[in-house]
Structures are given as structure tokens and as C-alpha cells.
Amino acid sequence: PAGDTPAATLRCVVFARHIDSIETELSTAGTALADGAVATVTGTLGVNPPWGELRVVVAAISIRDERSEETEARGRLIAQLVSSGQAAAQRRLVVPSRPRRIGILAGAGTAGAADLNTLLDASEHDWQLLRRAVPMAGARAAEAVAGGISTLAERRPDVIVVARGGGAPGEMAWADSATVTTAITRCPVPVWT
């Protein structure tokens, strides 16, 4: 990695035929696979033909550290938010029994935006949707999400929804940043993620 930004990402997959042996090996070593763990994986390189992506088909996993630097930083941030009282800021806000004016913060054309659109379209309710597209991955995601929350809050929706489809923990690191958590805790509008 160059600084905090990875130079490249290589997707790893585990197939059912390897899960039992991996879980047995981890259990024997007294470790467990969890978000934030630092691990070494071994396997074979392969190509996923439908997507054309290079990936590692994992055959074994060895946990080097059950808590990564990122996990430790997240824990410190949560402790700071709790001790300062900021963690409770959103809980004090009143959400209408049926929000009608909804701010939507999502990546343009992403799975998170599509999932939210499907959910709202299936509803029989009328919504006033205030949309803001921002990058939901990459080095600038935290600042973009924080800025998007502020911009939507100025338009006074009943609630702001930050919608992001799934992703690897590294792709979601912006969500655990002080930049985003501060934007949420200072927002005068309820924020749902």
C-alpha cells in the first residue's frame, strides 16, 4: 500500500468444498475469521469468466492478528463518540411516524441505489425524494459522503438515507471514518445507513 490507500485489490473467494477444512484449521489454531482480521490466504489464481476478474480461490487461511489496525481505530473512534456524548446525538432526533420527504445519498447507478429504488417503488406511498449521488468507494468517499449529508440536510428532509450495497471491509472503510461519523452526529436530520 501507498500510505493508507491500497495500490491494488485482489478479490478472494472461498468455495463450499474448502469451508469445512478452513474452519477446522482455524478452530485448531484457536482463531476465527472475523471482519478486521489480518490473515494470510493460500490458494490458486483463477479467472471468473462472466466478470473477467482475476481472483484467488482460497484453500487455506491463517489468521495473523484477529484485530487489524483499522478495527482498533474504529474501536477508538466509537469510544470517543460515546465518551463525548456525540454517539447519542442522532437518537435525540425525532423521526416522523411516516417520513415523506426522504434524502437519498447513494452512488450513481450502484446496487445500493437500485435496492432502495426497488423498495420505494414497491410501496403504495407517495414520496418526495431528494437525491444526491456521491462516490461510495475510494479515497474521496468519506469527504463526499460527509458533504452529501450536509447538502441534503440543508434541504430539510424528514430523514436522510445513506445507501450502499455490500462490499469488502476495505471498500467500506469510509463509513468508519471520523469525517463521516462527525457529519452524521452533527446532522440536524435523522440519518439512516
Protein backbone atom coordinates (compact mmCIF):
# COMPACT_ATOMS: atom_id res chain seq x y z
CA PRO A 1 0.00 0.00 0.00
CA ALA A 2 0.97 3.60 -0.60
CA GLY A 3 0.05 5.37 2.64
CA ASP A 4 -3.48 4.36 3.65
CA THR A 5 -4.65 3.65 0.11
CA PRO A 6 -4.13 0.13 -1.25
CA ALA A 7 -2.26 0.04 -4.55
CA ALA A 8 -4.47 -2.79 -5.80
CA THR A 9 -7.22 -5.14 -4.67
CA LEU A 10 -7.34 -8.84 -5.47
CA ARG A 11 -10.68 -10.50 -4.75
CA CYS A 12 -10.61 -13.78 -2.82
CA VAL A 13 -13.37 -16.39 -2.91
CA VAL A 14 -13.94 -19.48 -0.77
CA PHE A 15 -15.95 -22.32 -2.23
CA ALA A 16 -18.05 -24.72 -0.16
CA ARG A 17 -15.62 -27.59 -0.76
CA HIS A 18 -12.96 -25.75 1.29
CA ILE A 19 -15.06 -24.28 4.11
CA ASP A 20 -15.04 -27.29 6.46
CA SER A 21 -11.27 -27.73 6.31
CA ILE A 22 -10.65 -23.97 6.73
CA GLU A 23 -12.98 -23.78 9.76
CA THR A 24 -11.35 -26.88 11.31
CA GLU A 25 -7.86 -25.45 10.79
CA LEU A 26 -8.84 -22.08 12.29
CA SER A 27 -10.54 -23.75 15.26
CA THR A 28 -7.49 -25.93 15.90
CA ALA A 29 -5.33 -22.79 15.89
CA GLY A 30 -7.72 -21.12 18.34
CA THR A 31 -8.62 -18.32 15.93
CA ALA A 32 -11.67 -17.28 14.00
CA LEU A 33 -12.25 -15.37 10.79
CA ALA A 34 -13.85 -12.00 11.52
CA ASP A 35 -14.04 -8.54 9.99
CA GLY A 36 -10.81 -6.70 10.55
CA ALA A 37 -8.64 -9.79 10.94
CA VAL A 38 -5.22 -9.75 9.30
CA ALA A 39 -4.81 -13.06 7.51
CA THR A 40 -2.68 -14.92 5.01
CA VAL A 41 -4.61 -16.85 2.38
CA THR A 42 -3.29 -19.57 0.13
CA GLY A 43 -4.97 -20.91 -2.95
CA THR A 44 -4.87 -20.72 -6.71
CA LEU A 45 -5.23 -17.83 -9.10
CA GLY A 46 -8.20 -18.09 -11.38
CA VAL A 47 -10.36 -16.02 -13.66
CA ASN A 48 -14.09 -15.59 -13.13
CA PRO A 49 -15.22 -15.90 -16.79
CA PRO A 50 -18.54 -13.98 -16.55
CA TRP A 51 -16.81 -10.97 -14.96
CA GLY A 52 -13.31 -11.37 -16.37
CA GLU A 53 -11.75 -10.67 -12.99
CA LEU A 54 -8.63 -12.27 -11.61
CA ARG A 55 -9.21 -13.79 -8.19
CA VAL A 56 -7.70 -16.12 -5.61
CA VAL A 57 -9.67 -19.31 -4.97
CA VAL A 58 -8.85 -19.79 -1.29
CA ALA A 59 -7.89 -23.23 0.02
CA ALA A 60 -6.47 -22.21 3.43
CA ILE A 61 -6.48 -19.21 5.76
CA SER A 62 -4.07 -18.40 8.56
CA ILE A 63 -5.02 -15.60 10.98
CA ARG A 64 -2.02 -13.46 11.89
CA ASP A 65 -3.86 -10.90 14.01
CA GLU A 66 -7.54 -11.06 14.92
CA ARG A 67 -7.78 -7.27 15.17
CA SER A 68 -6.36 -5.09 12.43
CA GLU A 69 -5.16 -1.52 12.75
CA GLU A 70 -8.44 -0.43 11.11
CA THR A 71 -10.51 -2.37 13.64
CA GLU A 72 -8.54 -0.83 16.51
CA ALA A 73 -9.03 2.69 15.05
CA ARG A 74 -12.77 2.03 14.71
CA GLY A 75 -12.93 0.95 18.36
CA ARG A 76 -11.12 4.13 19.46
CA LEU A 77 -13.47 6.28 17.38
CA ILE A 78 -16.55 4.62 18.89
CA ALA A 79 -15.16 5.07 22.42
CA GLN A 80 -14.50 8.75 21.70
CA LEU A 81 -18.03 9.27 20.30
CA VAL A 82 -19.58 7.58 23.33
CA SER A 83 -17.49 9.46 25.90
CA SER A 84 -18.14 12.83 24.24
CA GLY A 85 -21.89 12.21 24.03
CA GLN A 86 -21.86 12.51 20.23
CA ALA A 87 -22.93 8.88 19.79
CA ALA A 88 -26.35 9.74 21.26
CA ALA A 89 -26.94 12.84 19.09
CA GLN A 90 -28.94 11.06 16.39
CA ARG A 91 -31.07 9.20 18.97
CA ARG A 92 -32.36 12.54 20.28
CA LEU A 93 -33.82 13.49 16.88
CA VAL A 94 -37.49 12.83 16.20
CA VAL A 95 -38.37 10.80 13.14
CA PRO A 96 -41.93 11.32 11.83
CA SER A 97 -44.12 8.21 12.09
CA ARG A 98 -44.15 8.12 8.28
CA PRO A 99 -41.36 10.12 6.69
CA ARG A 100 -42.50 11.58 3.36
CA ARG A 101 -39.55 13.74 2.36
CA ILE A 102 -36.53 11.45 2.07
CA GLY A 103 -32.97 12.46 1.25
CA ILE A 104 -31.13 9.70 -0.56
CA LEU A 105 -27.35 9.64 -0.64
CA ALA A 106 -26.00 6.87 -2.89
CA GLY A 107 -23.53 6.20 -5.66
CA ALA A 108 -24.87 6.84 -9.14
CA GLY A 109 -26.04 3.58 -10.71
CA THR A 110 -24.96 1.43 -7.73
CA ALA A 111 -26.58 -1.64 -6.19
CA GLY A 112 -27.39 0.34 -3.04
CA ALA A 113 -29.29 2.96 -5.04
CA ALA A 114 -31.09 0.27 -7.08
CA ASP A 115 -32.11 -1.66 -3.93
CA LEU A 116 -33.52 1.48 -2.31
CA ASN A 117 -35.36 2.46 -5.51
CA THR A 118 -36.93 -1.01 -5.72
CA LEU A 119 -38.08 -0.80 -2.10
CA LEU A 120 -39.59 2.68 -2.50
CA ASP A 121 -41.19 1.87 -5.88
CA ALA A 122 -42.90 -1.19 -4.37
CA SER A 123 -44.52 0.98 -1.70
CA GLU A 124 -48.00 2.38 -2.15
CA HIS A 125 -46.92 5.64 -0.51
CA ASP A 126 -46.00 8.85 -2.27
CA TRP A 127 -42.51 10.04 -1.51
CA GLN A 128 -40.71 13.26 -2.17
CA LEU A 129 -37.20 12.06 -2.91
CA LEU A 130 -34.20 14.35 -2.70
CA ARG A 131 -31.30 12.57 -4.36
CA ARG A 132 -27.59 13.23 -4.16
CA ALA A 133 -25.09 10.98 -5.94
CA VAL A 134 -21.63 10.66 -4.40
CA PRO A 135 -18.78 8.14 -4.72
CA MET A 136 -19.24 5.30 -2.22
CA ALA A 137 -15.75 3.86 -2.58
CA GLY A 138 -12.25 5.18 -2.98
CA ALA A 139 -10.01 7.71 -1.30
CA ARG A 140 -12.50 10.60 -1.56
CA ALA A 141 -15.61 8.70 -0.44
CA ALA A 142 -15.54 9.89 3.20
CA GLU A 143 -15.41 13.58 2.26
CA ALA A 144 -18.02 13.08 -0.48
CA VAL A 145 -20.44 11.28 1.85
CA ALA A 146 -19.96 13.86 4.62
CA GLY A 147 -20.53 16.70 2.15
CA GLY A 148 -23.58 14.95 0.71
CA ILE A 149 -25.10 14.60 4.18
CA SER A 150 -24.62 18.33 4.80
CA THR A 151 -26.05 19.28 1.40
CA LEU A 152 -29.14 17.12 1.86
CA ALA A 153 -29.64 18.38 5.42
CA GLU A 154 -29.91 21.94 4.06
CA ARG A 155 -32.96 20.81 2.07
CA ARG A 156 -34.65 19.70 5.35
CA PRO A 157 -35.83 16.15 4.56
CA ASP A 158 -37.59 14.09 7.24
CA VAL A 159 -34.74 11.58 7.09
CA ILE A 160 -31.53 11.03 5.12
CA VAL A 161 -30.74 7.51 3.91
CA VAL A 162 -27.12 6.67 3.12
CA ALA A 163 -27.46 3.68 0.77
CA ARG A 164 -24.53 1.48 -0.16
CA GLY A 165 -24.73 -2.10 -1.37
CA GLY A 166 -22.47 -4.69 0.20
CA GLY A 167 -18.75 -4.70 -0.19
CA ALA A 168 -15.47 -5.82 1.24
CA PRO A 169 -14.48 -4.18 4.53
CA GLY A 170 -11.71 -2.24 2.76
CA GLU A 171 -14.25 -0.74 0.36
CA MET A 172 -16.39 0.35 3.30
CA ALA A 173 -13.65 1.97 5.40
CA TRP A 174 -15.07 5.45 4.71
CA ALA A 175 -18.14 4.53 6.80
CA ASP A 176 -15.97 4.17 9.90
CA SER A 177 -14.09 7.42 9.38
CA ALA A 178 -14.22 10.36 11.78
CA THR A 179 -15.24 12.53 8.80
CA VAL A 180 -18.46 10.58 8.18
CA THR A 181 -19.32 9.93 11.82
CA THR A 182 -18.89 13.61 12.66
CA ALA A 183 -21.12 14.59 9.72
CA ILE A 184 -23.80 12.18 10.96
CA THR A 185 -23.62 13.17 14.64
CA ARG A 186 -23.76 16.89 13.77
CA CYS A 187 -26.57 16.50 11.25
CA PRO A 188 -29.86 18.09 12.41
CA VAL A 189 -31.77 15.47 10.39
CA PRO A 190 -32.02 11.75 11.30
CA VAL A 191 -29.55 9.72 9.21
CA TRP A 192 -30.20 6.07 8.42
CA THR A 193 -27.47 3.88 6.99
